[in-house]
Amino acid sequence: PKMTNMKCALKKKIHALDFAILELGLYLDTHPWDKRALHKRHHLLAERKAAVAAYEEKFGPYEPTWNKVRGDSWSWVNDPWPWEYSPKEEM
């Protein structure tokens, strides 16, 4: 269905932005004066905010998947890794 594809695409975009923001943050830990990287990180944060707003407007509250705990373990260990998702799979 069209809604499922759009929902999946928005989640993938948010996940990609989360990854890029995290990586730039790690880079900036060792290169704190790189104004270009800092500007890029601010741009990605704004883009993520817009993507989450678009998701929530269509599908309700967005819940990050990276902080879920089931029992005595983090759930991400059991979930597919980003490269293991297939295009047909609902995220």
Protein backbone atom coordinates (compact mmCIF):
# COMPACT_ATOMS: atom_id res chain seq x y z
CA PRO A 1 0.00 0.00 0.00
CA LYS A 2 1.01 3.60 -0.67
CA MET A 3 0.83 4.64 3.00
CA THR A 4 3.13 1.82 4.07
CA ASN A 5 5.71 2.81 1.44
CA MET A 6 5.57 6.45 2.54
CA LYS A 7 5.82 5.49 6.21
CA CYS A 8 8.79 3.23 5.51
CA ALA A 9 10.49 5.90 3.37
CA LEU A 10 10.11 8.54 6.09
CA LYS A 11 11.48 6.17 8.74
CA LYS A 12 14.45 5.32 6.52
CA LYS A 13 15.13 9.01 5.98
CA ILE A 14 15.01 9.70 9.73
CA HIS A 15 17.30 6.73 10.42
CA ALA A 16 19.79 7.93 7.79
CA LEU A 17 19.74 11.43 9.26
CA ASP A 18 20.24 10.02 12.77
CA PHE A 19 23.29 8.11 11.54
CA ALA A 20 24.80 11.13 9.77
CA ILE A 21 24.18 13.38 12.80
CA LEU A 22 25.81 10.87 15.13
CA GLU A 23 28.83 10.43 12.85
CA LEU A 24 29.31 14.18 12.46
CA GLY A 25 29.10 14.51 16.24
CA LEU A 26 31.86 11.94 16.64
CA TYR A 27 33.95 13.72 14.00
CA LEU A 28 33.43 17.06 15.74
CA ASP A 29 34.67 15.51 19.01
CA THR A 30 38.13 15.39 17.41
CA HIS A 31 37.76 18.36 15.02
CA PRO A 32 35.88 20.97 17.09
CA TRP A 33 36.94 23.92 14.88
CA ASP A 34 35.61 22.49 11.61
CA LYS A 35 32.92 25.08 10.93
CA ARG A 36 31.82 23.36 7.73
CA ALA A 37 31.08 20.10 9.60
CA LEU A 38 29.31 22.01 12.38
CA HIS A 39 27.18 23.85 9.81
CA LYS A 40 26.36 20.53 8.10
CA ARG A 41 25.33 19.01 11.45
CA HIS A 42 22.99 21.95 12.16
CA HIS A 43 21.50 21.56 8.68
CA LEU A 44 20.94 17.81 9.23
CA LEU A 45 19.33 18.45 12.62
CA ALA A 46 16.86 20.85 10.97
CA GLU A 47 16.21 18.33 8.18
CA ARG A 48 15.58 15.59 10.78
CA LYS A 49 13.16 17.85 12.67
CA ALA A 50 11.21 18.43 9.44
CA ALA A 51 11.21 14.72 8.59
CA VAL A 52 9.89 13.79 12.05
CA ALA A 53 7.20 16.51 11.76
CA ALA A 54 6.14 15.11 8.37
CA TYR A 55 6.02 11.58 9.80
CA GLU A 56 3.98 12.66 12.84
CA GLU A 57 1.55 14.65 10.70
CA LYS A 58 0.69 11.54 8.68
CA PHE A 59 1.25 8.62 11.07
CA GLY A 60 1.19 9.89 14.65
CA PRO A 61 4.02 10.08 17.19
CA TYR A 62 7.46 8.99 16.02
CA GLU A 63 9.21 6.61 18.39
CA PRO A 64 12.95 6.19 17.98
CA THR A 65 13.89 2.53 17.81
CA TRP A 66 17.40 2.92 19.21
CA ASN A 67 16.40 3.16 22.84
CA LYS A 68 13.93 0.30 23.29
CA VAL A 69 14.73 -2.24 26.00
CA ARG A 70 13.05 -5.64 26.19
CA GLY A 71 13.65 -7.51 29.40
CA ASP A 72 17.34 -7.46 30.13
CA SER A 73 18.69 -6.55 26.68
CA TRP A 74 18.60 -3.81 24.06
CA SER A 75 16.13 -4.65 21.31
CA TRP A 76 18.34 -3.40 18.47
CA VAL A 77 20.52 -6.50 18.84
CA ASN A 78 17.56 -8.62 17.66
CA ASP A 79 16.34 -6.23 14.97
CA PRO A 80 17.68 -6.31 11.41
CA TRP A 81 20.73 -4.14 10.82
CA PRO A 82 20.12 -1.17 8.46
CA TRP A 83 21.60 -3.06 5.49
CA GLU A 84 19.41 -6.11 6.19
CA TYR A 85 16.07 -4.36 5.49
CA SER A 86 14.45 -5.21 2.20
CA PRO A 87 12.45 -2.57 0.31
CA LYS A 88 9.24 -4.56 0.80
CA GLU A 89 9.67 -4.88 4.56
CA GLU A 90 7.61 -2.68 6.89
CA MET A 91 9.90 -0.92 9.31
